[in-house]
Amino acid sequence: MTAFGVMLAAQIVPGIEVKSFWVALVVALVLGVLNVLFGWPVKILTFPLSVLTLGLFLLVVNAWVFWMAGLVKGFYVAGFWPAFLGSLIVTLFSLLAKRLILANQK
């Protein structure tokens, strides 16, 4: 689901480029690894700031992780704002897809 979200983000957001679906699959894997290695520790360390901003700072952390995934060859993120919008699209797409899948299983 994340790979499809990455492809969707590349179609919608100027400044995000994905060479192929296979690159999007690698980016999805890298996003998962980066979230485990960097995303969660940073979210734990910045918890007080997240509380003060009512959770909005978590969007900044997600954008930072998405931007870091731009190190994958064939995946390009032009800067913070494309990363911010791209991470929002990937998150919303994944959330919607999971809800649709769970609704169809009932």
N, C-alpha and C. Protein backbone atom coordinates (compact mmCIF):
# COMPACT_ATOMS: atom_id res chain seq x y z
N MET A 1 0.81 -1.18 0.00
CA MET A 1 0.00 0.00 0.00
C MET A 1 0.86 1.26 0.00
N THR A 2 1.96 1.21 0.72
CA THR A 2 2.83 2.37 0.79
C THR A 2 3.43 2.69 -0.58
N ALA A 3 3.77 1.66 -1.34
CA ALA A 3 4.34 1.88 -2.67
C ALA A 3 3.34 2.59 -3.57
N PHE A 4 2.07 2.20 -3.50
CA PHE A 4 1.05 2.89 -4.28
C PHE A 4 0.89 4.33 -3.82
N GLY A 5 0.99 4.55 -2.51
CA GLY A 5 0.94 5.91 -1.98
C GLY A 5 2.09 6.76 -2.47
N VAL A 6 3.28 6.16 -2.55
CA VAL A 6 4.45 6.88 -3.07
C VAL A 6 4.24 7.24 -4.54
N MET A 7 3.69 6.32 -5.31
CA MET A 7 3.41 6.59 -6.72
C MET A 7 2.37 7.71 -6.85
N LEU A 8 1.34 7.67 -6.01
CA LEU A 8 0.32 8.72 -6.03
C LEU A 8 0.91 10.07 -5.67
N ALA A 9 1.75 10.09 -4.65
CA ALA A 9 2.40 11.34 -4.24
C ALA A 9 3.24 11.91 -5.38
N ALA A 10 3.93 11.04 -6.11
CA ALA A 10 4.76 11.49 -7.23
C ALA A 10 3.90 12.08 -8.35
N GLN A 11 2.68 11.56 -8.51
CA GLN A 11 1.79 12.08 -9.54
C GLN A 11 1.18 13.42 -9.15
N ILE A 12 0.97 13.64 -7.85
CA ILE A 12 0.26 14.83 -7.39
C ILE A 12 1.20 15.98 -7.03
N VAL A 13 2.29 15.66 -6.34
CA VAL A 13 3.15 16.70 -5.76
C VAL A 13 4.31 17.04 -6.71
N PRO A 14 4.40 18.30 -7.14
CA PRO A 14 5.58 18.69 -7.90
C PRO A 14 6.80 18.65 -6.97
N GLY A 15 7.89 18.09 -7.47
CA GLY A 15 9.10 18.00 -6.65
C GLY A 15 9.34 16.60 -6.14
N ILE A 16 8.43 15.66 -6.43
CA ILE A 16 8.64 14.25 -6.09
C ILE A 16 8.63 13.47 -7.39
N GLU A 17 9.68 12.69 -7.59
CA GLU A 17 9.80 11.88 -8.80
C GLU A 17 10.13 10.44 -8.42
N VAL A 18 9.46 9.50 -9.09
CA VAL A 18 9.72 8.07 -8.91
C VAL A 18 9.90 7.49 -10.30
N LYS A 19 11.02 6.82 -10.52
CA LYS A 19 11.34 6.29 -11.84
C LYS A 19 10.43 5.15 -12.26
N SER A 20 10.08 4.25 -11.31
CA SER A 20 9.25 3.09 -11.65
C SER A 20 8.55 2.57 -10.40
N PHE A 21 7.65 1.62 -10.63
CA PHE A 21 6.96 1.02 -9.49
C PHE A 21 7.93 0.24 -8.62
N TRP A 22 8.95 -0.36 -9.23
CA TRP A 22 9.94 -1.12 -8.45
C TRP A 22 10.71 -0.19 -7.50
N VAL A 23 11.00 0.99 -7.98
CA VAL A 23 11.65 1.98 -7.11
C VAL A 23 10.71 2.36 -5.97
N ALA A 24 9.42 2.49 -6.27
CA ALA A 24 8.43 2.81 -5.23
C ALA A 24 8.37 1.69 -4.19
N LEU A 25 8.51 0.44 -4.62
CA LEU A 25 8.54 -0.68 -3.66
C LEU A 25 9.76 -0.58 -2.76
N VAL A 26 10.91 -0.24 -3.33
CA VAL A 26 12.13 -0.08 -2.54
C VAL A 26 11.96 1.10 -1.57
N VAL A 27 11.37 2.18 -2.05
CA VAL A 27 11.14 3.36 -1.19
C VAL A 27 10.22 2.98 -0.03
N ALA A 28 9.18 2.19 -0.31
CA ALA A 28 8.27 1.75 0.76
C ALA A 28 9.03 0.95 1.81
N LEU A 29 9.91 0.08 1.38
CA LEU A 29 10.73 -0.71 2.31
C LEU A 29 11.66 0.20 3.10
N VAL A 30 12.30 1.13 2.41
CA VAL A 30 13.22 2.06 3.07
C VAL A 30 12.47 2.95 4.06
N LEU A 31 11.27 3.39 3.71
CA LEU A 31 10.46 4.19 4.64
C LEU A 31 10.16 3.41 5.92
N GLY A 32 9.85 2.13 5.77
CA GLY A 32 9.61 1.30 6.94
C GLY A 32 10.84 1.18 7.83
N VAL A 33 11.99 0.96 7.22
CA VAL A 33 13.24 0.82 7.97
C VAL A 33 13.61 2.15 8.63
N LEU A 34 13.49 3.25 7.88
CA LEU A 34 13.81 4.57 8.44
C LEU A 34 12.89 4.94 9.59
N ASN A 35 11.61 4.57 9.47
CA ASN A 35 10.68 4.84 10.56
C ASN A 35 11.06 4.09 11.83
N VAL A 36 11.51 2.86 11.67
CA VAL A 36 11.91 2.08 12.84
C VAL A 36 13.22 2.62 13.43
N LEU A 37 14.20 2.89 12.57
CA LEU A 37 15.51 3.31 13.06
C LEU A 37 15.56 4.75 13.54
N PHE A 38 14.85 5.64 12.84
CA PHE A 38 14.94 7.07 13.15
C PHE A 38 13.61 7.68 13.58
N GLY A 39 12.54 7.32 12.89
CA GLY A 39 11.25 7.94 13.13
C GLY A 39 10.75 7.79 14.56
N TRP A 40 10.68 6.55 15.03
CA TRP A 40 10.17 6.31 16.38
C TRP A 40 11.06 6.91 17.47
N PRO A 41 12.37 6.73 17.39
CA PRO A 41 13.20 7.38 18.43
C PRO A 41 13.04 8.90 18.45
N VAL A 42 12.98 9.53 17.27
CA VAL A 42 12.81 10.98 17.23
C VAL A 42 11.44 11.37 17.78
N LYS A 43 10.42 10.58 17.45
CA LYS A 43 9.07 10.87 17.97
C LYS A 43 9.02 10.74 19.49
N ILE A 44 9.75 9.79 20.03
CA ILE A 44 9.78 9.63 21.49
C ILE A 44 10.54 10.79 22.12
N LEU A 45 11.68 11.17 21.54
CA LEU A 45 12.47 12.27 22.09
C LEU A 45 11.76 13.62 22.00
N THR A 46 10.94 13.79 20.98
CA THR A 46 10.26 15.07 20.79
C THR A 46 8.81 15.03 21.28
N PHE A 47 8.49 14.05 22.10
CA PHE A 47 7.12 13.92 22.61
C PHE A 47 6.61 15.19 23.28
N PRO A 48 7.40 15.85 24.15
CA PRO A 48 6.89 17.09 24.75
C PRO A 48 6.52 18.16 23.70
N LEU A 49 7.33 18.28 22.66
CA LEU A 49 7.04 19.24 21.60
C LEU A 49 5.76 18.84 20.84
N SER A 50 5.59 17.54 20.66
CA SER A 50 4.38 17.05 19.99
C SER A 50 3.14 17.35 20.82
N VAL A 51 3.25 17.23 22.13
CA VAL A 51 2.13 17.54 23.00
C VAL A 51 1.80 19.04 22.92
N LEU A 52 2.83 19.87 22.94
CA LEU A 52 2.62 21.32 22.86
C LEU A 52 1.97 21.74 21.55
N THR A 53 2.30 21.04 20.46
CA THR A 53 1.75 21.40 19.15
C THR A 53 0.54 20.55 18.79
N LEU A 54 0.00 19.84 19.78
CA LEU A 54 -1.18 18.98 19.57
C LEU A 54 -0.94 17.93 18.49
N GLY A 55 0.26 17.43 18.41
CA GLY A 55 0.61 16.36 17.48
C GLY A 55 1.07 16.83 16.11
N LEU A 56 1.02 18.11 15.85
CA LEU A 56 1.41 18.60 14.53
C LEU A 56 2.89 18.41 14.25
N PHE A 57 3.72 18.39 15.29
CA PHE A 57 5.15 18.19 15.06
C PHE A 57 5.43 16.79 14.50
N LEU A 58 4.55 15.84 14.74
CA LEU A 58 4.73 14.50 14.18
C LEU A 58 4.71 14.54 12.65
N LEU A 59 3.96 15.49 12.09
CA LEU A 59 3.95 15.65 10.64
C LEU A 59 5.32 16.08 10.12
N VAL A 60 6.01 16.90 10.90
CA VAL A 60 7.36 17.34 10.53
C VAL A 60 8.33 16.15 10.57
N VAL A 61 8.20 15.32 11.59
CA VAL A 61 9.06 14.13 11.69
C VAL A 61 8.80 13.19 10.52
N ASN A 62 7.53 12.98 10.18
CA ASN A 62 7.20 12.13 9.03
C ASN A 62 7.75 12.69 7.73
N ALA A 63 7.68 14.01 7.58
CA ALA A 63 8.24 14.64 6.37
C ALA A 63 9.75 14.45 6.32
N TRP A 64 10.41 14.58 7.46
CA TRP A 64 11.86 14.38 7.52
C TRP A 64 12.24 12.96 7.11
N VAL A 65 11.50 11.97 7.58
CA VAL A 65 11.77 10.57 7.22
C VAL A 65 11.52 10.37 5.73
N PHE A 66 10.44 10.95 5.20
CA PHE A 66 10.14 10.84 3.77
C PHE A 66 11.25 11.47 2.94
N TRP A 67 11.74 12.61 3.40
CA TRP A 67 12.83 13.31 2.71
C TRP A 67 14.10 12.46 2.73
N MET A 68 14.37 11.80 3.83
CA MET A 68 15.55 10.92 3.93
C MET A 68 15.47 9.76 2.94
N ALA A 69 14.26 9.32 2.64
CA ALA A 69 14.09 8.22 1.69
C ALA A 69 14.49 8.66 0.28
N GLY A 70 14.66 9.94 0.07
CA GLY A 70 15.12 10.45 -1.22
C GLY A 70 16.52 10.00 -1.57
N LEU A 71 17.19 9.33 -0.65
CA LEU A 71 18.52 8.78 -0.93
C LEU A 71 18.45 7.57 -1.85
N VAL A 72 17.27 6.99 -2.01
CA VAL A 72 17.10 5.83 -2.90
C VAL A 72 17.26 6.30 -4.34
N LYS A 73 18.08 5.58 -5.08
CA LYS A 73 18.31 5.93 -6.48
C LYS A 73 17.01 5.74 -7.27
N GLY A 74 16.63 6.75 -8.01
CA GLY A 74 15.39 6.70 -8.78
C GLY A 74 14.22 7.35 -8.07
N PHE A 75 14.46 7.84 -6.84
CA PHE A 75 13.43 8.54 -6.08
C PHE A 75 14.00 9.89 -5.68
N TYR A 76 13.29 10.95 -6.05
CA TYR A 76 13.80 12.30 -5.81
C TYR A 76 12.75 13.12 -5.08
N VAL A 77 13.17 13.79 -4.00
CA VAL A 77 12.32 14.71 -3.26
C VAL A 77 13.04 16.05 -3.25
N ALA A 78 12.39 17.09 -3.78
CA ALA A 78 13.03 18.38 -4.01
C ALA A 78 13.31 19.18 -2.75
N GLY A 79 12.60 18.94 -1.68
CA GLY A 79 12.82 19.74 -0.47
C GLY A 79 11.82 19.37 0.61
N PHE A 80 11.77 20.23 1.64
CA PHE A 80 10.92 19.93 2.79
C PHE A 80 9.44 19.91 2.43
N TRP A 81 8.96 20.94 1.70
CA TRP A 81 7.52 21.02 1.43
C TRP A 81 7.03 19.88 0.54
N PRO A 82 7.74 19.50 -0.52
CA PRO A 82 7.31 18.31 -1.24
C PRO A 82 7.34 17.06 -0.35
N ALA A 83 8.33 16.96 0.53
CA ALA A 83 8.38 15.82 1.46
C ALA A 83 7.20 15.86 2.42
N PHE A 84 6.85 17.03 2.90
CA PHE A 84 5.72 17.19 3.81
C PHE A 84 4.42 16.75 3.13
N LEU A 85 4.17 17.27 1.92
CA LEU A 85 2.96 16.91 1.20
C LEU A 85 2.97 15.43 0.80
N GLY A 86 4.13 14.95 0.38
CA GLY A 86 4.24 13.54 0.00
C GLY A 86 3.97 12.61 1.16
N SER A 87 4.50 12.94 2.34
CA SER A 87 4.26 12.08 3.51
C SER A 87 2.79 12.12 3.91
N LEU A 88 2.15 13.28 3.76
CA LEU A 88 0.71 13.37 4.05
C LEU A 88 -0.10 12.49 3.10
N ILE A 89 0.24 12.53 1.82
CA ILE A 89 -0.48 11.73 0.84
C ILE A 89 -0.28 10.25 1.08
N VAL A 90 0.95 9.84 1.34
CA VAL A 90 1.22 8.43 1.60
C VAL A 90 0.48 7.96 2.85
N THR A 91 0.49 8.76 3.89
CA THR A 91 -0.19 8.40 5.13
C THR A 91 -1.69 8.30 4.92
N LEU A 92 -2.28 9.30 4.27
CA LEU A 92 -3.73 9.28 4.04
C LEU A 92 -4.14 8.13 3.12
N PHE A 93 -3.34 7.88 2.07
CA PHE A 93 -3.64 6.77 1.16
C PHE A 93 -3.58 5.44 1.90
N SER A 94 -2.55 5.24 2.72
CA SER A 94 -2.41 3.98 3.46
C SER A 94 -3.56 3.81 4.45
N LEU A 95 -3.94 4.88 5.13
CA LEU A 95 -5.04 4.83 6.08
C LEU A 95 -6.35 4.47 5.37
N LEU A 96 -6.62 5.12 4.26
CA LEU A 96 -7.84 4.85 3.51
C LEU A 96 -7.86 3.43 2.97
N ALA A 97 -6.74 2.98 2.42
CA ALA A 97 -6.66 1.62 1.87
C ALA A 97 -6.87 0.57 2.96
N LYS A 98 -6.28 0.77 4.12
CA LYS A 98 -6.47 -0.18 5.22
C LYS A 98 -7.92 -0.23 5.66
N ARG A 99 -8.56 0.92 5.74
CA ARG A 99 -9.98 0.95 6.13
C ARG A 99 -10.85 0.25 5.11
N LEU A 100 -10.57 0.45 3.83
CA LEU A 100 -11.35 -0.21 2.79
C LEU A 100 -11.16 -1.71 2.82
N ILE A 101 -9.93 -2.15 3.04
CA ILE A 101 -9.65 -3.59 3.11
C ILE A 101 -10.34 -4.20 4.32
N LEU A 102 -10.26 -3.55 5.47
CA LEU A 102 -10.92 -4.07 6.66
C LEU A 102 -12.43 -4.07 6.52
N ALA A 103 -13.00 -3.07 5.85
CA ALA A 103 -14.44 -3.01 5.65
C ALA A 103 -14.90 -4.15 4.74
N ASN A 104 -14.10 -4.51 3.75
CA ASN A 104 -14.46 -5.60 2.84
C ASN A 104 -14.30 -6.97 3.47
N GLN A 105 -13.52 -7.09 4.52
CA GLN A 105 -13.32 -8.37 5.19
C GLN A 105 -14.46 -8.72 6.12
N LYS A 106 -15.25 -7.72 6.52
CA LYS A 106 -16.36 -7.97 7.46
C LYS A 106 -17.55 -8.56 6.80
